[in-house]
């Protein structure tokens, strides 16, 4: 093995990160409780239901019983509905595409065969 002399070393122009400080930082994770959208009960996802009283301006969370802003609930329900509509549309398009197929390539013999509709 040859000894490396400092005279033969050329800097490559890379700036290194500063060494970590002696101060330790801790991250505290707190239980935030109910988010009024969903929670886990016995390992299963449970979606929140909302208790709406006619003639009142407050909505109650069905998971924790807290009074919620009606606009929060309206926005959440609108987002859920939009997601449901998009998923339904994608399902209908895929169903339409699959129904239009009449033939496919056999995995065993590599020939084109008819798809049975029953």
PDB file of N, CA and C in Angstrom:
ATOM      1  N   UNK A   1       0.826  -1.179   0.000  1.00  0.00           N
ATOM      2  CA  UNK A   1       0.000   0.000   0.000  1.00  0.00           C
ATOM      3  C   UNK A   1       0.871   1.242   0.000  1.00  0.00           C
ATOM      4  N   UNK A   2       0.425   2.201  -0.761  1.00  0.00           N
ATOM      5  CA  UNK A   2       1.194   3.436  -0.811  1.00  0.00           C
ATOM      6  C   UNK A   2       0.579   4.452   0.128  1.00  0.00           C
ATOM      7  N   UNK A   3       1.425   5.252   0.672  1.00  0.00           N
ATOM      8  CA  UNK A   3       0.983   6.295   1.585  1.00  0.00           C
ATOM      9  C   UNK A   3       0.541   7.501   0.772  1.00  0.00           C
ATOM     10  N   UNK A   4      -0.622   8.100   1.169  1.00  0.00           N
ATOM     11  CA  UNK A   4      -1.151   9.259   0.453  1.00  0.00           C
ATOM     12  C   UNK A   4      -0.594  10.514   1.107  1.00  0.00           C
ATOM     13  N   UNK A   5       0.026  11.332   0.291  1.00  0.00           N
ATOM     14  CA  UNK A   5       0.550  12.614   0.766  1.00  0.00           C
ATOM     15  C   UNK A   5      -0.505  13.681   0.537  1.00  0.00           C
ATOM     16  N   UNK A   6      -0.575  14.630   1.448  1.00  0.00           N
ATOM     17  CA  UNK A   6      -1.519  15.734   1.292  1.00  0.00           C
ATOM     18  C   UNK A   6      -1.178  16.602   0.090  1.00  0.00           C
ATOM     19  N   UNK A   7       0.051  16.535  -0.364  1.00  0.00           N
ATOM     20  CA  UNK A   7       0.455  17.332  -1.521  1.00  0.00           C
ATOM     21  C   UNK A   7      -0.173  16.800  -2.808  1.00  0.00           C
ATOM     22  N   UNK A   8      -0.465  15.502  -2.849  1.00  0.00           N
ATOM     23  CA  UNK A   8      -1.004  14.886  -4.057  1.00  0.00           C
ATOM     24  C   UNK A   8      -2.531  14.920  -4.114  1.00  0.00           C
ATOM     25  N   UNK A   9      -3.204  15.392  -3.070  1.00  0.00           N
ATOM     26  CA  UNK A   9      -4.663  15.396  -3.013  1.00  0.00           C
ATOM     27  C   UNK A   9      -5.182  16.696  -3.590  1.00  0.00           C
ATOM     28  N   UNK A  10      -6.166  16.573  -4.506  1.00  0.00           N
ATOM     29  CA  UNK A  10      -6.786  17.749  -5.091  1.00  0.00           C
ATOM     30  C   UNK A  10      -8.239  17.824  -4.622  1.00  0.00           C
ATOM     31  N   UNK A  11      -8.715  18.991  -4.207  1.00  0.00           N
ATOM     32  CA  UNK A  11     -10.118  19.116  -3.797  1.00  0.00           C
ATOM     33  C   UNK A  11     -11.039  18.952  -5.003  1.00  0.00           C
ATOM     34  N   UNK A  12     -12.191  18.324  -4.791  1.00  0.00           N
ATOM     35  CA  UNK A  12     -13.121  18.093  -5.895  1.00  0.00           C
ATOM     36  C   UNK A  12     -14.271  19.091  -5.910  1.00  0.00           C
ATOM     37  N   UNK A  13     -14.306  20.018  -4.978  1.00  0.00           N
ATOM     38  CA  UNK A  13     -15.306  21.076  -5.000  1.00  0.00           C
ATOM     39  C   UNK A  13     -16.646  20.694  -4.403  1.00  0.00           C
ATOM     40  N   UNK A  14     -16.686  19.667  -3.602  1.00  0.00           N
ATOM     41  CA  UNK A  14     -17.938  19.249  -2.967  1.00  0.00           C
ATOM     42  C   UNK A  14     -17.996  19.844  -1.575  1.00  0.00           C
ATOM     43  N   UNK A  15     -19.117  20.498  -1.279  1.00  0.00           N
ATOM     44  CA  UNK A  15     -19.287  21.033   0.066  1.00  0.00           C
ATOM     45  C   UNK A  15     -19.991  19.982   0.916  1.00  0.00           C
ATOM     46  N   UNK A  16     -19.423  19.720   2.053  1.00  0.00           N
ATOM     47  CA  UNK A  16     -19.988  18.722   2.945  1.00  0.00           C
ATOM     48  C   UNK A  16     -20.967  19.374   3.910  1.00  0.00           C
ATOM     49  N   UNK A  17     -21.884  18.567   4.403  1.00  0.00           N
ATOM     50  CA  UNK A  17     -22.841  19.059   5.394  1.00  0.00           C
ATOM     51  C   UNK A  17     -22.104  19.375   6.681  1.00  0.00           C
ATOM     52  N   UNK A  18     -22.617  20.350   7.427  1.00  0.00           N
ATOM     53  CA  UNK A  18     -21.970  20.623   8.717  1.00  0.00           C
ATOM     54  C   UNK A  18     -22.217  19.454   9.673  1.00  0.00           C
ATOM     55  N   UNK A  19     -21.289  19.217  10.567  1.00  0.00           N
ATOM     56  CA  UNK A  19     -21.494  18.108  11.507  1.00  0.00           C
ATOM     57  C   UNK A  19     -22.687  18.402  12.419  1.00  0.00           C
ATOM     58  N   UNK A  20     -23.365  17.347  12.887  1.00  0.00           N
ATOM     59  CA  UNK A  20     -24.524  17.575  13.755  1.00  0.00           C
ATOM     60  C   UNK A  20     -24.114  18.258  15.045  1.00  0.00           C
ATOM     61  N   UNK A  21     -25.025  19.082  15.527  1.00  0.00           N
ATOM     62  CA  UNK A  21     -24.727  19.792  16.768  1.00  0.00           C
ATOM     63  C   UNK A  21     -24.909  18.844  17.944  1.00  0.00           C
ATOM     64  N   UNK A  22     -24.454  19.284  19.092  1.00  0.00           N
ATOM     65  CA  UNK A  22     -24.576  18.459  20.289  1.00  0.00           C
ATOM     66  C   UNK A  22     -25.980  18.493  20.873  1.00  0.00           C
ATOM     67  N   UNK A  23     -26.804  19.443  20.403  1.00  0.00           N
ATOM     68  CA  UNK A  23     -28.168  19.530  20.908  1.00  0.00           C
ATOM     69  C   UNK A  23     -29.004  18.397  20.306  1.00  0.00           C
ATOM     70  N   UNK A  24     -29.766  17.759  21.140  1.00  0.00           N
ATOM     71  CA  UNK A  24     -30.648  16.684  20.668  1.00  0.00           C
ATOM     72  C   UNK A  24     -32.036  17.263  20.481  1.00  0.00           C
ATOM     73  N   UNK A  25     -32.638  16.933  19.366  1.00  0.00           N
ATOM     74  CA  UNK A  25     -34.010  17.367  19.139  1.00  0.00           C
ATOM     75  C   UNK A  25     -34.921  16.168  19.270  1.00  0.00           C
ATOM     76  N   UNK A  26     -36.005  16.359  19.933  1.00  0.00           N
ATOM     77  CA  UNK A  26     -36.976  15.288  20.123  1.00  0.00           C
ATOM     78  C   UNK A  26     -38.261  15.644  19.411  1.00  0.00           C
ATOM     79  N   UNK A  27     -38.844  14.673  18.786  1.00  0.00           N
ATOM     80  CA  UNK A  27     -40.142  14.865  18.165  1.00  0.00           C
ATOM     81  C   UNK A  27     -41.178  14.209  19.064  1.00  0.00           C
ATOM     82  N   UNK A  28     -42.145  14.990  19.464  1.00  0.00           N
ATOM     83  CA  UNK A  28     -43.189  14.481  20.334  1.00  0.00           C
ATOM     84  C   UNK A  28     -44.416  14.177  19.478  1.00  0.00           C
ATOM     85  N   UNK A  29     -44.857  12.938  19.530  1.00  0.00           N
ATOM     86  CA  UNK A  29     -46.048  12.542  18.797  1.00  0.00           C
ATOM     87  C   UNK A  29     -47.197  12.495  19.787  1.00  0.00           C
ATOM     88  N   UNK A  30     -48.217  13.300  19.482  1.00  0.00           N
ATOM     89  CA  UNK A  30     -49.363  13.344  20.371  1.00  0.00           C
ATOM     90  C   UNK A  30     -50.556  12.684  19.705  1.00  0.00           C
ATOM     91  N   UNK A  31     -51.405  12.110  20.498  1.00  0.00           N
ATOM     92  CA  UNK A  31     -52.650  11.566  19.999  1.00  0.00           C
ATOM     93  C   UNK A  31     -53.583  12.741  19.758  1.00  0.00           C
ATOM     94  N   UNK A  32     -53.921  12.965  18.489  1.00  0.00           N
ATOM     95  CA  UNK A  32     -54.745  14.118  18.170  1.00  0.00           C
ATOM     96  C   UNK A  32     -56.227  13.823  18.335  1.00  0.00           C
ATOM     97  N   UNK A  33     -56.567  12.589  18.616  1.00  0.00           N
ATOM     98  CA  UNK A  33     -57.972  12.246  18.828  1.00  0.00           C
ATOM     99  C   UNK A  33     -58.715  12.111  17.520  1.00  0.00           C
ATOM    100  N   UNK A  34     -59.967  12.446  17.564  1.00  0.00           N
ATOM    101  CA  UNK A  34     -60.861  12.283  16.427  1.00  0.00           C
ATOM    102  C   UNK A  34     -60.602  13.372  15.382  1.00  0.00           C
ATOM    103  N   UNK A  35     -60.508  12.965  14.110  1.00  0.00           N
ATOM    104  CA  UNK A  35     -60.382  13.963  13.046  1.00  0.00           C
ATOM    105  C   UNK A  35     -61.728  14.219  12.372  1.00  0.00           C
ATOM    106  N   UNK A  36     -62.767  13.601  12.874  1.00  0.00           N
ATOM    107  CA  UNK A  36     -64.146  13.786  12.431  1.00  0.00           C
ATOM    108  C   UNK A  36     -64.375  13.302  11.003  1.00  0.00           C
ATOM    109  N   UNK A  37     -63.473  12.446  10.499  1.00  0.00           N
ATOM    110  CA  UNK A  37     -63.633  11.865   9.173  1.00  0.00           C
ATOM    111  C   UNK A  37     -63.672  10.350   9.252  1.00  0.00           C
ATOM    112  N   UNK A  38     -62.659   9.768   9.892  1.00  0.00           N
ATOM    113  CA  UNK A  38     -62.624   8.329  10.086  1.00  0.00           C
ATOM    114  C   UNK A  38     -61.720   7.993  11.251  1.00  0.00           C
ATOM    115  N   UNK A  39     -61.858   6.779  11.751  1.00  0.00           N
ATOM    116  CA  UNK A  39     -61.009   6.303  12.834  1.00  0.00           C
ATOM    117  C   UNK A  39     -60.884   4.797  12.713  1.00  0.00           C
ATOM    118  N   UNK A  40     -60.010   4.204  13.505  1.00  0.00           N
ATOM    119  CA  UNK A  40     -59.827   2.759  13.510  1.00  0.00           C
ATOM    120  C   UNK A  40     -60.405   2.203  14.801  1.00  0.00           C
ATOM    121  N   UNK A  41     -61.265   1.213  14.662  1.00  0.00           N
ATOM    122  CA  UNK A  41     -61.839   0.537  15.810  1.00  0.00           C
ATOM    123  C   UNK A  41     -61.595  -0.953  15.621  1.00  0.00           C
ATOM    124  N   UNK A  42     -60.848  -1.564  16.535  1.00  0.00           N
ATOM    125  CA  UNK A  42     -60.497  -2.980  16.458  1.00  0.00           C
ATOM    126  C   UNK A  42     -59.857  -3.341  15.121  1.00  0.00           C
ATOM    127  N   UNK A  43     -58.996  -2.459  14.614  1.00  0.00           N
ATOM    128  CA  UNK A  43     -58.279  -2.721  13.377  1.00  0.00           C
ATOM    129  C   UNK A  43     -59.081  -2.473  12.114  1.00  0.00           C
ATOM    130  N   UNK A  44     -60.299  -1.978  12.232  1.00  0.00           N
ATOM    131  CA  UNK A  44     -61.134  -1.710  11.062  1.00  0.00           C
ATOM    132  C   UNK A  44     -61.379  -0.206  10.935  1.00  0.00           C
ATOM    133  N   UNK A  45     -61.470   0.255   9.693  1.00  0.00           N
ATOM    134  CA  UNK A  45     -61.733   1.667   9.443  1.00  0.00           C
ATOM    135  C   UNK A  45     -63.225   1.926   9.633  1.00  0.00           C
ATOM    136  N   UNK A  46     -63.536   2.926  10.446  1.00  0.00           N
ATOM    137  CA  UNK A  46     -64.922   3.336  10.668  1.00  0.00           C
ATOM    138  C   UNK A  46     -65.042   4.784  10.225  1.00  0.00           C
ATOM    139  N   UNK A  47     -65.930   5.028   9.271  1.00  0.00           N
ATOM    140  CA  UNK A  47     -66.153   6.397   8.801  1.00  0.00           C
ATOM    141  C   UNK A  47     -67.081   7.119   9.760  1.00  0.00           C
ATOM    142  N   UNK A  48     -66.852   8.399   9.890  1.00  0.00           N
ATOM    143  CA  UNK A  48     -67.675   9.208  10.792  1.00  0.00           C
ATOM    144  C   UNK A  48     -69.056   9.406  10.189  1.00  0.00           C
ATOM    145  N   UNK A  49     -70.049   9.395  11.044  1.00  0.00           N
ATOM    146  CA  UNK A  49     -71.380   9.814  10.629  1.00  0.00           C
ATOM    147  C   UNK A  49     -71.664  11.119  11.362  1.00  0.00           C
ATOM    148  N   UNK A  50     -72.561  11.903  10.810  1.00  0.00           N
ATOM    149  CA  UNK A  50     -72.823  13.219  11.358  1.00  0.00           C
ATOM    150  C   UNK A  50     -74.276  13.306  11.793  1.00  0.00           C
ATOM    151  N   UNK A  51     -74.478  13.826  12.978  1.00  0.00           N
ATOM    152  CA  UNK A  51     -75.818  13.991  13.513  1.00  0.00           C
ATOM    153  C   UNK A  51     -76.264  15.421  13.237  1.00  0.00           C
ATOM    154  N   UNK A  52     -77.293  15.547  12.414  1.00  0.00           N
ATOM    155  CA  UNK A  52     -77.786  16.860  12.001  1.00  0.00           C
ATOM    156  C   UNK A  52     -79.181  17.036  12.575  1.00  0.00           C
ATOM    157  N   UNK A  53     -79.369  18.107  13.308  1.00  0.00           N
ATOM    158  CA  UNK A  53     -80.678  18.405  13.877  1.00  0.00           C
ATOM    159  C   UNK A  53     -81.327  19.496  13.037  1.00  0.00           C
ATOM    160  N   UNK A  54     -82.538  19.240  12.576  1.00  0.00           N
ATOM    161  CA  UNK A  54     -83.234  20.238  11.760  1.00  0.00           C
ATOM    162  C   UNK A  54     -83.458  21.506  12.553  1.00  0.00           C
ATOM    163  N   UNK A  55     -83.265  22.633  11.903  1.00  0.00           N
ATOM    164  CA  UNK A  55     -83.484  23.920  12.539  1.00  0.00           C
ATOM    165  C   UNK A  55     -82.309  24.425  13.342  1.00  0.00           C
ATOM    166  N   UNK A  56     -81.264  23.631  13.506  1.00  0.00           N
ATOM    167  CA  UNK A  56     -80.077  24.074  14.240  1.00  0.00           C
ATOM    168  C   UNK A  56     -78.926  24.275  13.268  1.00  0.00           C
ATOM    169  N   UNK A  57     -77.966  25.075  13.659  1.00  0.00           N
ATOM    170  CA  UNK A  57     -76.833  25.379  12.780  1.00  0.00           C
ATOM    171  C   UNK A  57     -75.594  24.566  13.128  1.00  0.00           C
ATOM    172  N   UNK A  58     -75.700  23.638  14.052  1.00  0.00           N
ATOM    173  CA  UNK A  58     -74.540  22.834  14.432  1.00  0.00           C
ATOM    174  C   UNK A  58     -74.725  21.397  13.981  1.00  0.00           C
ATOM    175  N   UNK A  59     -73.600  20.755  13.728  1.00  0.00           N
ATOM    176  CA  UNK A  59     -73.566  19.348  13.356  1.00  0.00           C
ATOM    177  C   UNK A  59     -72.708  18.649  14.396  1.00  0.00           C
ATOM    178  N   UNK A  60     -73.113  17.464  14.794  1.00  0.00           N
ATOM    179  CA  UNK A  60     -72.378  16.723  15.820  1.00  0.00           C
ATOM    180  C   UNK A  60     -71.669  15.534  15.185  1.00  0.00           C
ATOM    181  N   UNK A  61     -70.410  15.311  15.585  1.00  0.00           N
ATOM    182  CA  UNK A  61     -69.641  14.162  15.104  1.00  0.00           C
ATOM    183  C   UNK A  61     -70.183  12.901  15.756  1.00  0.00           C
ATOM    184  N   UNK A  62     -70.457  11.891  14.947  1.00  0.00           N
ATOM    185  CA  UNK A  62     -70.968  10.637  15.462  1.00  0.00           C
ATOM    186  C   UNK A  62     -69.907   9.796  16.154  1.00  0.00           C
ATOM    187  N   UNK A  63     -68.613  10.123  15.964  1.00  0.00           N
ATOM    188  CA  UNK A  63     -67.534   9.367  16.599  1.00  0.00           C
ATOM    189  C   UNK A  63     -67.207   9.883  17.993  1.00  0.00           C
ATOM    190  N   UNK A  64     -67.119  11.214  18.130  1.00  0.00           N
ATOM    191  CA  UNK A  64     -66.683  11.762  19.415  1.00  0.00           C
ATOM    192  C   UNK A  64     -67.723  12.660  20.069  1.00  0.00           C
ATOM    193  N   UNK A  65     -68.776  13.032  19.348  1.00  0.00           N
ATOM    194  CA  UNK A  65     -69.830  13.855  19.936  1.00  0.00           C
ATOM    195  C   UNK A  65     -69.548  15.341  19.956  1.00  0.00           C
ATOM    196  N   UNK A  66     -68.448  15.776  19.349  1.00  0.00           N
ATOM    197  CA  UNK A  66     -68.101  17.193  19.326  1.00  0.00           C
ATOM    198  C   UNK A  66     -68.977  17.944  18.328  1.00  0.00           C
ATOM    199  N   UNK A  67     -69.263  19.206  18.627  1.00  0.00           N
ATOM    200  CA  UNK A  67     -70.004  20.049  17.698  1.00  0.00           C
ATOM    201  C   UNK A  67     -69.053  20.539  16.607  1.00  0.00           C
ATOM    202  N   UNK A  68     -69.469  20.420  15.345  1.00  0.00           N
ATOM    203  CA  UNK A  68     -68.612  20.743  14.212  1.00  0.00           C
ATOM    204  C   UNK A  68     -69.182  21.903  13.419  1.00  0.00           C
ATOM    205  N   UNK A  69     -68.305  22.534  12.670  1.00  0.00           N
ATOM    206  CA  UNK A  69     -68.709  23.588  11.749  1.00  0.00           C
ATOM    207  C   UNK A  69     -69.438  22.934  10.573  1.00  0.00           C
ATOM    208  N   UNK A  70     -70.634  23.388  10.236  1.00  0.00           N
ATOM    209  CA  UNK A  70     -71.369  22.777   9.124  1.00  0.00           C
ATOM    210  C   UNK A  70     -70.619  22.857   7.792  1.00  0.00           C
ATOM    211  N   UNK A  71     -69.818  23.900   7.566  1.00  0.00           N
ATOM    212  CA  UNK A  71     -69.061  24.016   6.316  1.00  0.00           C
ATOM    213  C   UNK A  71     -67.980  22.942   6.222  1.00  0.00           C
ATOM    214  N   UNK A  72     -67.364  22.573   7.354  1.00  0.00           N
ATOM    215  CA  UNK A  72     -66.385  21.489   7.381  1.00  0.00           C
ATOM    216  C   UNK A  72     -67.038  20.198   6.936  1.00  0.00           C
ATOM    217  N   UNK A  73     -68.222  19.921   7.486  1.00  0.00           N
ATOM    218  CA  UNK A  73     -68.940  18.690   7.159  1.00  0.00           C
ATOM    219  C   UNK A  73     -69.384  18.705   5.699  1.00  0.00           C
ATOM    220  N   UNK A  74     -69.887  19.844   5.231  1.00  0.00           N
ATOM    221  CA  UNK A  74     -70.339  19.961   3.852  1.00  0.00           C
ATOM    222  C   UNK A  74     -69.188  19.743   2.880  1.00  0.00           C
ATOM    223  N   UNK A  75     -68.035  20.334   3.165  1.00  0.00           N
ATOM    224  CA  UNK A  75     -66.863  20.163   2.311  1.00  0.00           C
ATOM    225  C   UNK A  75     -66.413  18.705   2.290  1.00  0.00           C
ATOM    226  N   UNK A  76     -66.374  18.068   3.450  1.00  0.00           N
ATOM    227  CA  UNK A  76     -65.961  16.666   3.530  1.00  0.00           C
ATOM    228  C   UNK A  76     -66.919  15.769   2.748  1.00  0.00           C
ATOM    229  N   UNK A  77     -68.212  15.965   2.909  1.00  0.00           N
ATOM    230  CA  UNK A  77     -69.194  15.151   2.189  1.00  0.00           C
ATOM    231  C   UNK A  77     -69.142  15.402   0.688  1.00  0.00           C
ATOM    232  N   UNK A  78     -68.901  16.651   0.283  1.00  0.00           N
ATOM    233  CA  UNK A  78     -68.783  16.964  -1.143  1.00  0.00           C
ATOM    234  C   UNK A  78     -67.560  16.285  -1.747  1.00  0.00           C
ATOM    235  N   UNK A  79     -66.442  16.265  -1.009  1.00  0.00           N
ATOM    236  CA  UNK A  79     -65.236  15.577  -1.492  1.00  0.00           C
ATOM    237  C   UNK A  79     -65.474  14.078  -1.618  1.00  0.00           C
ATOM    238  N   UNK A  80     -66.175  13.493  -0.667  1.00  0.00           N
ATOM    239  CA  UNK A  80     -66.497  12.066  -0.739  1.00  0.00           C
ATOM    240  C   UNK A  80     -67.367  11.770  -1.953  1.00  0.00           C
ATOM    241  N   UNK A  81     -68.359  12.625  -2.189  1.00  0.00           N
ATOM    242  CA  UNK A  81     -69.254  12.399  -3.318  1.00  0.00           C
ATOM    243  C   UNK A  81     -68.507  12.533  -4.643  1.00  0.00           C
ATOM    244  N   UNK A  82     -67.622  13.524  -4.747  1.00  0.00           N
ATOM    245  CA  UNK A  82     -66.841  13.703  -5.962  1.00  0.00           C
ATOM    246  C   UNK A  82     -65.970  12.479  -6.222  1.00  0.00           C
ATOM    247  N   UNK A  83     -65.343  11.961  -5.174  1.00  0.00           N
ATOM    248  CA  UNK A  83     -64.522  10.766  -5.304  1.00  0.00           C
ATOM    249  C   UNK A  83     -65.369   9.578  -5.745  1.00  0.00           C
ATOM    250  N   UNK A  84     -66.546   9.431  -5.172  1.00  0.00           N
ATOM    251  CA  UNK A  84     -67.431   8.325  -5.524  1.00  0.00           C
ATOM    252  C   UNK A  84     -67.850   8.434  -6.996  1.00  0.00           C
ATOM    253  N   UNK A  85     -68.183   9.639  -7.451  1.00  0.00           N
ATOM    254  CA  UNK A  85     -68.610   9.836  -8.840  1.00  0.00           C
ATOM    255  C   UNK A  85     -67.475   9.499  -9.800  1.00  0.00           C
ATOM    256  N   UNK A  86     -66.250   9.928  -9.476  1.00  0.00           N
ATOM    257  CA  UNK A  86     -65.099   9.613 -10.344  1.00  0.00           C
ATOM    258  C   UNK A  86     -64.852   8.111 -10.405  1.00  0.00           C
ATOM    259  N   UNK A  87     -64.898   7.442  -9.260  1.00  0.00           N
ATOM    260  CA  UNK A  87     -64.689   5.988  -9.246  1.00  0.00           C
ATOM    261  C   UNK A  87     -65.780   5.264 -10.019  1.00  0.00           C
ATOM    262  N   UNK A  88     -67.017   5.717  -9.893  1.00  0.00           N
ATOM    263  CA  UNK A  88     -68.130   5.103 -10.612  1.00  0.00           C
ATOM    264  C   UNK A  88     -67.952   5.282 -12.114  1.00  0.00           C
ATOM    265  N   UNK A  89     -67.553   6.471 -12.539  1.00  0.00           N
ATOM    266  CA  UNK A  89     -67.349   6.732 -13.967  1.00  0.00           C
ATOM    267  C   UNK A  89     -66.231   5.854 -14.522  1.00  0.00           C
ATOM    268  N   UNK A  90     -65.131   5.711 -13.780  1.00  0.00           N
ATOM    269  CA  UNK A  90     -64.026   4.853 -14.224  1.00  0.00           C
ATOM    270  C   UNK A  90     -64.485   3.397 -14.307  1.00  0.00           C
ATOM    271  N   UNK A  91     -65.302   2.966 -13.352  1.00  0.00           N
ATOM    272  CA  UNK A  91     -65.820   1.598 -13.370  1.00  0.00           C
ATOM    273  C   UNK A  91     -66.703   1.379 -14.593  1.00  0.00           C
ATOM    274  N   UNK A  92     -67.595   2.333 -14.891  1.00  0.00           N
ATOM    275  CA  UNK A  92     -68.495   2.191 -16.039  1.00  0.00           C
ATOM    276  C   UNK A  92     -67.718   2.157 -17.357  1.00  0.00           C
ATOM    277  N   UNK A  93     -66.681   2.987 -17.469  1.00  0.00           N
ATOM    278  CA  UNK A  93     -65.865   2.986 -18.683  1.00  0.00           C
ATOM    279  C   UNK A  93     -65.124   1.657 -18.846  1.00  0.00           C
ATOM    280  N   UNK A  94     -64.574   1.130 -17.764  1.00  0.00           N
ATOM    281  CA  UNK A  94     -63.872  -0.152 -17.829  1.00  0.00           C
ATOM    282  C   UNK A  94     -64.848  -1.277 -18.159  1.00  0.00           C
ATOM    283  N   UNK A  95     -66.037  -1.233 -17.581  1.00  0.00           N
ATOM    284  CA  UNK A  95     -67.066  -2.241 -17.852  1.00  0.00           C
ATOM    285  C   UNK A  95     -67.468  -2.196 -19.327  1.00  0.00           C
ATOM    286  N   UNK A  96     -67.618  -0.991 -19.870  1.00  0.00           N
ATOM    287  CA  UNK A  96     -67.970  -0.820 -21.276  1.00  0.00           C
ATOM    288  C   UNK A  96     -66.858  -1.368 -22.172  1.00  0.00           C
ATOM    289  N   UNK A  97     -65.606  -1.087 -21.814  1.00  0.00           N
ATOM    290  CA  UNK A  97     -64.469  -1.576 -22.596  1.00  0.00           C
ATOM    291  C   UNK A  97     -64.402  -3.096 -22.593  1.00  0.00           C
ATOM    292  N   UNK A  98     -64.609  -3.696 -21.433  1.00  0.00           N
ATOM    293  CA  UNK A  98     -64.554  -5.152 -21.344  1.00  0.00           C
ATOM    294  C   UNK A  98     -65.716  -5.813 -22.079  1.00  0.00           C
ATOM    295  N   UNK A  99     -66.890  -5.193 -22.048  1.00  0.00           N
ATOM    296  CA  UNK A  99     -68.038  -5.754 -22.759  1.00  0.00           C
ATOM    297  C   UNK A  99     -67.859  -5.696 -24.271  1.00  0.00           C
ATOM    298  N   UNK A 100     -67.061  -4.738 -24.764  1.00  0.00           N
ATOM    299  CA  UNK A 100     -66.861  -4.624 -26.206  1.00  0.00           C
ATOM    300  C   UNK A 100     -65.873  -5.667 -26.731  1.00  0.00           C
ATOM    301  N   UNK A 101     -65.139  -6.298 -25.856  1.00  0.00           N
ATOM    302  CA  UNK A 101     -64.168  -7.308 -26.290  1.00  0.00           C
ATOM    303  C   UNK A 101     -64.882  -8.608 -26.624  1.00  0.00           C
ATOM    304  N   UNK A 102     -64.548  -9.170 -27.771  1.00  0.00           N
ATOM    305  CA  UNK A 102     -65.138 -10.435 -28.195  1.00  0.00           C
ATOM    306  C   UNK A 102     -64.105 -11.551 -28.310  1.00  0.00           C
ATOM    307  N   UNK A 103     -62.851 -11.158 -28.482  1.00  0.00           N
ATOM    308  CA  UNK A 103     -61.795 -12.147 -28.656  1.00  0.00           C
ATOM    309  C   UNK A 103     -60.601 -11.782 -27.782  1.00  0.00           C
ATOM    310  N   UNK A 104     -59.825 -12.804 -27.449  1.00  0.00           N
ATOM    311  CA  UNK A 104     -58.610 -12.595 -26.665  1.00  0.00           C
ATOM    312  C   UNK A 104     -57.593 -13.661 -27.031  1.00  0.00           C
ATOM    313  N   UNK A 105     -56.370 -13.452 -26.626  1.00  0.00           N
ATOM    314  CA  UNK A 105     -55.301 -14.409 -26.913  1.00  0.00           C
ATOM    315  C   UNK A 105     -55.242 -15.441 -25.795  1.00  0.00           C
ATOM    316  N   UNK A 106     -55.267 -16.713 -26.167  1.00  0.00           N
ATOM    317  CA  UNK A 106     -55.222 -17.802 -25.185  1.00  0.00           C
ATOM    318  C   UNK A 106     -53.826 -17.852 -24.565  1.00  0.00           C
ATOM    319  N   UNK A 107     -53.782 -17.999 -23.241  1.00  0.00           N
ATOM    320  CA  UNK A 107     -52.492 -18.073 -22.550  1.00  0.00           C
ATOM    321  C   UNK A 107     -51.769 -19.387 -22.825  1.00  0.00           C
ATOM    322  N   UNK A 108     -52.510 -20.438 -23.173  1.00  0.00           N
ATOM    323  CA  UNK A 108     -51.907 -21.762 -23.351  1.00  0.00           C
ATOM    324  C   UNK A 108     -51.411 -21.991 -24.776  1.00  0.00           C
ATOM    325  N   UNK A 109     -52.308 -21.762 -25.772  1.00  0.00           N
ATOM    326  CA  UNK A 109     -51.937 -22.064 -27.153  1.00  0.00           C
ATOM    327  C   UNK A 109     -51.552 -20.828 -27.959  1.00  0.00           C
ATOM    328  N   UNK A 110     -51.699 -19.619 -27.386  1.00  0.00           N
ATOM    329  CA  UNK A 110     -51.335 -18.359 -28.020  1.00  0.00           C
ATOM    330  C   UNK A 110     -52.173 -18.043 -29.259  1.00  0.00           C
ATOM    331  N   UNK A 111     -53.339 -18.717 -29.418  1.00  0.00           N
ATOM    332  CA  UNK A 111     -54.235 -18.426 -30.534  1.00  0.00           C
ATOM    333  C   UNK A 111     -55.318 -17.476 -30.060  1.00  0.00           C
ATOM    334  N   UNK A 112     -55.917 -16.762 -31.023  1.00  0.00           N
ATOM    335  CA  UNK A 112     -57.017 -15.876 -30.724  1.00  0.00           C
ATOM    336  C   UNK A 112     -58.274 -16.707 -30.579  1.00  0.00           C
ATOM    337  N   UNK A 113     -58.950 -16.550 -29.434  1.00  0.00           N
ATOM    338  CA  UNK A 113     -60.183 -17.313 -29.174  1.00  0.00           C
ATOM    339  C   UNK A 113     -61.304 -16.377 -28.772  1.00  0.00           C
ATOM    340  N   UNK A 114     -62.553 -16.875 -28.946  1.00  0.00           N
ATOM    341  CA  UNK A 114     -63.706 -16.084 -28.565  1.00  0.00           C
ATOM    342  C   UNK A 114     -63.855 -16.090 -27.051  1.00  0.00           C
ATOM    343  N   UNK A 115     -64.366 -14.997 -26.518  1.00  0.00           N
ATOM    344  CA  UNK A 115     -64.658 -14.901 -25.085  1.00  0.00           C
ATOM    345  C   UNK A 115     -66.121 -15.298 -24.898  1.00  0.00           C
ATOM    346  N   UNK A 116     -66.350 -16.254 -24.025  1.00  0.00           N
ATOM    347  CA  UNK A 116     -67.742 -16.653 -23.789  1.00  0.00           C
ATOM    348  C   UNK A 116     -68.401 -15.575 -22.940  1.00  0.00           C
ATOM    349  N   UNK A 117     -69.640 -15.257 -23.260  1.00  0.00           N
ATOM    350  CA  UNK A 117     -70.354 -14.199 -22.545  1.00  0.00           C
ATOM    351  C   UNK A 117     -71.192 -14.723 -21.402  1.00  0.00           C
ATOM    352  N   UNK A 118     -71.180 -16.019 -21.181  1.00  0.00           N
ATOM    353  CA  UNK A 118     -72.007 -16.571 -20.101  1.00  0.00           C
ATOM    354  C   UNK A 118     -71.250 -16.754 -18.821  1.00  0.00           C
TER     355      UNK A 118
END
